[in-house]
């Protein structure tokens, strides 16, 4: 659908559940980072044509909406692709969003052949976090969420190891342990789908050291963000910092990207690096790399949550 209009969603209440591979206790926290009730985001994309910005502004003006910010980009001003992110305010926003959507259909979508999404920013996106044994990215996200720095709700953390259960529950967030052993991951992925479908808007792999199948990615049908422990495409696979030390690299970095069926080749959202020297050990590189991973992943999550990232084939447009 081109313009989902989110309403208030039912809260996923966590109680102890007797299922073969997953247990949870605790209550789903209210998001401390929700945007003001009067703000909405409008994402427009399609073929670049004269008059798009004016048409969008005219629709919002007719509905007495005030444009708070507007970013646009064309990859070729002569018939290329066009992308626009608009944030606007309006009293009684929930009541008028359907009318704005109908007007956008008539004045923007049909005449210009564009697609759009329209979202009330007071309804935070629901983010599930997957993790394994490395906890630095997971705990950083939970800490930022607690401080109100991420405008999301976190209905669950899922892990193939039980080691972090108590720490996660200490944040008031449900924890699900779903073991994933052996080459056949079908049972685990079936359980993941049972937990996720209808309950989340996107998933973050916070150093989740399992490969997701193409069938799972397609069936889930929501964006998945991964943090990769290198400045892609270098040092793909296990042991990246040992490989980096062996090669004598002068920079180590991290990459946050959307997950696709092609391993570590999805559209890149954010990257960063830090400088290192010949004196740094593999342990030093791992420590410094973890700092970069935390920062890169948190920025990617924030930008996705605020509708700042637009996917376009194998790359992204990120509005600051």
Protein backbone atom coordinates (compact mmCIF):
# COMPACT_ATOMS: atom_id res chain seq x y z
CA UNK A 1 0.00 0.00 0.00
CA UNK A 2 1.25 3.50 -0.78
CA UNK A 3 -0.07 5.37 2.22
CA UNK A 4 -0.66 3.35 5.37
CA UNK A 5 -2.37 5.43 8.00
CA UNK A 6 -1.27 4.09 11.38
CA UNK A 7 -3.59 4.32 14.29
CA UNK A 8 -3.16 3.33 17.87
CA UNK A 9 -1.89 -0.21 18.05
CA UNK A 10 -2.73 -2.80 20.69
CA UNK A 11 0.03 -3.25 23.22
CA UNK A 12 1.80 -6.59 23.18
CA UNK A 13 1.48 -7.62 26.81
CA UNK A 14 4.14 -10.07 27.94
CA UNK A 15 3.36 -12.83 30.36
CA UNK A 16 5.00 -16.16 30.95
CA UNK A 17 4.13 -18.24 27.90
CA UNK A 18 4.57 -22.01 27.66
CA UNK A 19 6.00 -22.53 24.20
CA UNK A 20 8.69 -24.98 23.14
CA UNK A 21 11.53 -22.54 22.58
CA UNK A 22 10.58 -19.09 23.88
CA UNK A 23 9.72 -17.58 27.26
CA UNK A 24 9.10 -14.02 28.35
CA UNK A 25 8.25 -12.13 31.49
CA UNK A 26 7.76 -8.46 32.20
CA UNK A 27 5.69 -5.66 30.69
CA UNK A 28 6.11 -3.78 27.45
CA UNK A 29 7.39 -0.28 28.32
CA UNK A 30 5.80 2.89 27.07
CA UNK A 31 8.12 4.67 24.67
CA UNK A 32 9.75 7.75 26.22
CA UNK A 33 10.72 9.07 22.79
CA UNK A 34 7.40 9.59 21.04
CA UNK A 35 7.11 12.75 18.92
CA UNK A 36 4.50 15.46 19.67
CA UNK A 37 0.98 14.45 18.69
CA UNK A 38 0.64 17.20 16.08
CA UNK A 39 3.54 16.07 13.82
CA UNK A 40 3.34 13.82 10.77
CA UNK A 41 5.85 12.73 8.15
CA UNK A 42 5.17 12.49 4.42
CA UNK A 43 7.59 10.57 2.20
CA UNK A 44 7.17 10.97 -1.56
CA UNK A 45 9.17 9.21 -4.27
CA UNK A 46 8.99 8.51 -7.97
CA UNK A 47 10.08 9.96 -11.29
CA UNK A 48 11.23 13.58 -11.09
CA UNK A 49 8.82 16.01 -12.72
CA UNK A 50 8.19 19.73 -12.57
CA UNK A 51 5.61 20.76 -9.96
CA UNK A 52 5.86 17.96 -7.39
CA UNK A 53 7.01 20.13 -4.48
CA UNK A 54 4.36 22.72 -5.28
CA UNK A 55 1.62 20.08 -5.47
CA UNK A 56 2.56 18.60 -2.10
CA UNK A 57 2.71 22.03 -0.47
CA UNK A 58 -0.67 22.95 -1.93
CA UNK A 59 -2.33 19.85 -0.47
CA UNK A 60 -0.92 20.53 2.98
CA UNK A 61 -1.87 24.19 2.78
CA UNK A 62 -5.48 23.35 1.87
CA UNK A 63 -5.68 21.28 5.04
CA UNK A 64 -4.16 24.07 7.15
CA UNK A 65 -1.05 22.01 7.88
CA UNK A 66 2.17 23.86 8.66
CA UNK A 67 5.36 22.53 7.04
CA UNK A 68 8.01 22.18 9.76
CA UNK A 69 10.80 20.80 7.56
CA UNK A 70 11.18 19.75 3.92
CA UNK A 71 14.06 17.90 2.28
CA UNK A 72 14.19 16.82 -1.34
CA UNK A 73 16.65 15.15 -3.70
CA UNK A 74 16.70 14.30 -7.39
CA UNK A 75 19.38 11.94 -8.66
CA UNK A 76 19.00 13.48 -12.11
CA UNK A 77 17.09 16.74 -12.66
CA UNK A 78 16.20 15.59 -16.18
CA UNK A 79 13.91 12.61 -15.70
CA UNK A 80 15.66 10.89 -12.80
CA UNK A 81 14.26 9.71 -9.48
CA UNK A 82 12.78 12.18 -7.00
CA UNK A 83 12.63 11.84 -3.21
CA UNK A 84 11.05 14.16 -0.64
CA UNK A 85 10.58 14.08 3.12
CA UNK A 86 8.18 16.57 4.66
CA UNK A 87 7.33 16.96 8.34
CA UNK A 88 4.23 19.01 9.07
CA UNK A 89 2.05 19.93 12.03
CA UNK A 90 -1.69 20.16 12.35
CA UNK A 91 -4.12 20.27 15.23
CA UNK A 92 -6.40 17.25 15.49
CA UNK A 93 -4.00 15.37 13.23
CA UNK A 94 -5.54 11.90 13.54
CA UNK A 95 -8.91 13.20 12.39
CA UNK A 96 -7.59 14.92 9.25
CA UNK A 97 -4.98 12.39 8.06
CA UNK A 98 -7.52 10.38 6.01
CA UNK A 99 -8.64 13.57 4.26
CA UNK A 100 -5.03 14.56 3.53
CA UNK A 101 -4.38 11.08 2.12
CA UNK A 102 -7.37 11.30 -0.22
CA UNK A 103 -6.20 14.69 -1.44
CA UNK A 104 -2.66 13.39 -1.97
CA UNK A 105 -4.10 10.55 -4.06
CA UNK A 106 -5.89 13.01 -6.33
CA UNK A 107 -3.34 15.80 -6.51
CA UNK A 108 0.03 14.02 -6.18
CA UNK A 109 -0.09 10.25 -6.62
CA UNK A 110 -2.23 9.99 -9.75
CA UNK A 111 -1.10 13.06 -11.73
CA UNK A 112 2.61 12.49 -11.09
CA UNK A 113 2.73 8.70 -10.80
CA UNK A 114 4.31 8.91 -7.35
CA UNK A 115 4.12 6.71 -4.28
CA UNK A 116 3.97 8.09 -0.77
CA UNK A 117 3.71 7.14 2.88
CA UNK A 118 1.97 9.27 5.48
CA UNK A 119 2.58 8.66 9.17
CA UNK A 120 1.58 10.18 12.50
CA UNK A 121 4.88 10.66 14.35
CA UNK A 122 3.21 10.41 17.74
CA UNK A 123 2.86 6.65 17.09
CA UNK A 124 6.41 5.31 17.57
CA UNK A 125 7.61 2.49 15.37
CA UNK A 126 7.80 -0.88 17.12
CA UNK A 127 11.34 -2.24 17.03
CA UNK A 128 12.36 -5.79 17.88
CA UNK A 129 16.04 -6.37 18.65
CA UNK A 130 17.86 -9.62 17.88
CA UNK A 131 21.16 -10.36 19.62
CA UNK A 132 23.53 -13.24 20.32
CA UNK A 133 26.34 -13.12 22.90
CA UNK A 134 27.94 -9.73 22.15
CA UNK A 135 25.95 -7.26 24.21
CA UNK A 136 27.47 -3.85 23.41
CA UNK A 137 25.08 -2.87 20.61
CA UNK A 138 21.99 -4.30 22.33
CA UNK A 139 22.63 -2.60 25.67
CA UNK A 140 23.45 0.69 23.96
CA UNK A 141 20.09 0.66 22.18
CA UNK A 142 18.24 -0.19 25.38
CA UNK A 143 20.06 2.56 27.27
CA UNK A 144 19.32 5.16 24.59
CA UNK A 145 15.69 4.06 24.54
CA UNK A 146 15.45 4.44 28.32
CA UNK A 147 16.88 7.98 28.05
CA UNK A 148 14.31 8.92 25.42
CA UNK A 149 16.88 9.26 22.62
CA UNK A 150 15.19 6.79 20.25
CA UNK A 151 11.56 7.46 19.21
CA UNK A 152 10.60 3.79 19.18
CA UNK A 153 8.89 1.23 21.35
CA UNK A 154 10.64 -2.09 21.98
CA UNK A 155 8.10 -4.89 22.40
CA UNK A 156 10.76 -7.62 22.56
CA UNK A 157 14.38 -8.69 22.49
CA UNK A 158 15.05 -12.07 20.86
CA UNK A 159 18.26 -14.05 21.27
CA UNK A 160 19.59 -17.48 20.40
CA UNK A 161 21.34 -17.44 23.80
CA UNK A 162 19.79 -16.94 27.24
CA UNK A 163 22.76 -15.13 28.80
CA UNK A 164 21.36 -11.59 28.52
CA UNK A 165 17.85 -12.34 29.74
CA UNK A 166 18.16 -10.70 33.15
CA UNK A 167 19.88 -7.58 31.82
CA UNK A 168 17.17 -7.09 29.21
CA UNK A 169 14.37 -7.66 31.71
CA UNK A 170 16.08 -5.10 33.95
CA UNK A 171 15.12 -2.52 31.32
CA UNK A 172 11.51 -3.67 31.57
CA UNK A 173 11.57 -5.25 28.12
CA UNK A 174 10.38 -8.81 27.35
CA UNK A 175 13.11 -11.28 26.44
CA UNK A 176 12.57 -14.33 24.24
CA UNK A 177 15.11 -17.12 24.02
CA UNK A 178 14.83 -18.93 20.69
CA UNK A 179 17.67 -21.46 20.28
CA UNK A 180 19.06 -21.85 16.79
CA UNK A 181 21.27 -24.91 16.48
CA UNK A 182 22.47 -26.86 13.48
CA UNK A 183 22.12 -26.10 9.79
CA UNK A 184 18.31 -26.34 9.79
CA UNK A 185 16.99 -23.01 11.11
CA UNK A 186 13.40 -23.57 9.99
CA UNK A 187 12.00 -24.24 13.48
CA UNK A 188 13.68 -21.13 14.92
CA UNK A 189 12.54 -18.98 12.02
CA UNK A 190 8.98 -20.24 12.39
CA UNK A 191 9.07 -19.20 16.05
CA UNK A 192 10.53 -15.82 15.11
CA UNK A 193 7.69 -15.25 12.67
CA UNK A 194 5.14 -16.20 15.32
CA UNK A 195 6.60 -13.63 17.69
CA UNK A 196 7.15 -10.84 15.19
CA UNK A 197 4.32 -10.80 12.66
CA UNK A 198 1.82 -8.08 13.48
CA UNK A 199 3.80 -6.96 16.54
CA UNK A 200 6.75 -5.04 15.06
CA UNK A 201 7.44 -2.46 12.36
CA UNK A 202 11.12 -3.25 11.93
CA UNK A 203 13.85 -5.49 13.33
CA UNK A 204 17.41 -4.63 14.37
CA UNK A 205 20.16 -7.26 14.36
CA UNK A 206 22.42 -6.04 17.18
CA UNK A 207 25.32 -8.37 16.44
CA UNK A 208 22.95 -11.30 15.90
CA UNK A 209 25.34 -13.92 14.57
CA UNK A 210 22.86 -15.95 12.54
CA UNK A 211 22.11 -15.79 8.82
CA UNK A 212 18.47 -15.15 7.98
CA UNK A 213 17.03 -17.08 5.08
CA UNK A 214 15.56 -15.34 2.07
CA UNK A 215 12.24 -17.03 2.75
CA UNK A 216 12.18 -15.62 6.30
CA UNK A 217 13.03 -12.09 5.13
CA UNK A 218 10.27 -12.18 2.52
CA UNK A 219 7.67 -13.69 4.86
CA UNK A 220 8.38 -11.22 7.66
CA UNK A 221 7.82 -8.29 5.33
CA UNK A 222 9.29 -5.49 7.48
CA UNK A 223 12.67 -3.74 7.24
CA UNK A 224 15.60 -5.43 8.99
CA UNK A 225 18.68 -3.40 9.96
CA UNK A 226 22.04 -5.07 10.57
CA UNK A 227 25.28 -3.74 12.03
CA UNK A 228 28.36 -5.16 10.35
CA UNK A 229 31.68 -5.11 12.14
CA UNK A 230 33.67 -3.61 9.27
CA UNK A 231 33.60 -0.84 6.72
CA UNK A 232 31.90 -2.89 4.03
CA UNK A 233 32.81 -4.54 1.77
CA UNK A 234 36.12 -5.24 3.56
CA UNK A 235 36.67 -8.21 5.91
CA UNK A 236 33.33 -9.94 5.43
CA UNK A 237 32.78 -12.93 7.72
CA UNK A 238 34.12 -14.01 11.09
CA UNK A 239 37.20 -12.59 12.82
CA UNK A 240 37.28 -9.19 11.08
CA UNK A 241 39.60 -7.53 13.59
CA UNK A 242 42.19 -10.30 13.42
CA UNK A 243 42.07 -9.97 9.63
CA UNK A 244 42.40 -6.20 9.93
CA UNK A 245 45.43 -6.54 12.20
CA UNK A 246 47.03 -9.01 9.81
CA UNK A 247 46.55 -6.58 6.93
CA UNK A 248 47.91 -3.65 8.94
CA UNK A 249 44.89 -1.44 8.40
CA UNK A 250 44.96 2.20 9.49
CA UNK A 251 41.20 2.55 9.88
CA UNK A 252 38.53 0.33 11.39
CA UNK A 253 34.86 0.98 10.96
CA UNK A 254 31.30 -0.28 10.99
CA UNK A 255 28.40 -0.37 8.55
CA UNK A 256 24.66 -0.32 9.24
CA UNK A 257 22.61 -1.62 6.33
CA UNK A 258 19.25 -3.10 5.44
CA UNK A 259 19.20 -6.88 5.26
CA UNK A 260 18.58 -8.59 1.94
CA UNK A 261 18.91 -12.17 0.78
CA UNK A 262 22.46 -11.35 -0.37
CA UNK A 263 24.65 -11.55 2.74
CA UNK A 264 26.03 -8.17 3.88
CA UNK A 265 25.13 -6.53 0.57
CA UNK A 266 21.94 -4.65 1.48
CA UNK A 267 21.49 -0.88 1.04
CA UNK A 268 23.83 1.02 3.37
CA UNK A 269 22.31 3.44 5.88
CA UNK A 270 25.37 4.67 7.78
CA UNK A 271 29.12 4.06 8.06
CA UNK A 272 31.94 5.44 10.18
CA UNK A 273 35.61 4.78 10.90
CA UNK A 274 38.28 5.48 13.54
CA UNK A 275 42.03 5.71 12.95
CA UNK A 276 44.30 3.03 14.42
CA UNK A 277 48.05 2.41 14.39
CA UNK A 278 50.48 -0.45 14.05
CA UNK A 279 50.70 -0.60 17.86
CA UNK A 280 47.03 -1.51 18.30
CA UNK A 281 46.44 -5.19 19.04
CA UNK A 282 43.49 -7.19 17.76
CA UNK A 283 41.91 -6.62 21.19
CA UNK A 284 42.41 -2.87 20.82
CA UNK A 285 40.83 -2.97 17.38
CA UNK A 286 37.88 -4.95 18.72
CA UNK A 287 37.32 -2.45 21.55
CA UNK A 288 37.57 0.57 19.28
CA UNK A 289 35.46 -1.15 16.66
CA UNK A 290 32.73 -1.82 19.23
CA UNK A 291 32.55 1.92 19.96
CA UNK A 292 32.03 2.65 16.27
CA UNK A 293 29.43 -0.12 15.95
CA UNK A 294 27.36 1.36 18.77
CA UNK A 295 27.42 4.84 17.28
CA UNK A 296 26.70 3.75 13.71
CA UNK A 297 23.83 1.44 14.67
CA UNK A 298 22.14 3.99 16.95
CA UNK A 299 22.25 6.62 14.20
CA UNK A 300 20.81 4.19 11.66
CA UNK A 301 17.99 3.22 14.03
CA UNK A 302 17.20 6.87 14.81
CA UNK A 303 17.10 7.86 11.15
CA UNK A 304 14.92 4.90 10.24
CA UNK A 305 12.56 5.61 13.14
CA UNK A 306 12.21 9.23 12.02
CA UNK A 307 11.52 8.28 8.37
CA UNK A 308 14.75 9.89 7.21
CA UNK A 309 15.89 6.90 5.12
CA UNK A 310 14.42 6.12 1.71
CA UNK A 311 15.47 2.95 -0.07
CA UNK A 312 16.14 3.18 -3.78
CA UNK A 313 17.27 -0.11 -5.22
CA UNK A 314 20.68 -1.02 -3.81
CA UNK A 315 21.30 2.31 -2.11
CA UNK A 316 19.59 4.77 0.21
CA UNK A 317 18.82 8.45 0.44
CA UNK A 318 19.31 9.70 4.01
CA UNK A 319 17.91 13.12 4.88
CA UNK A 320 19.72 14.78 7.79
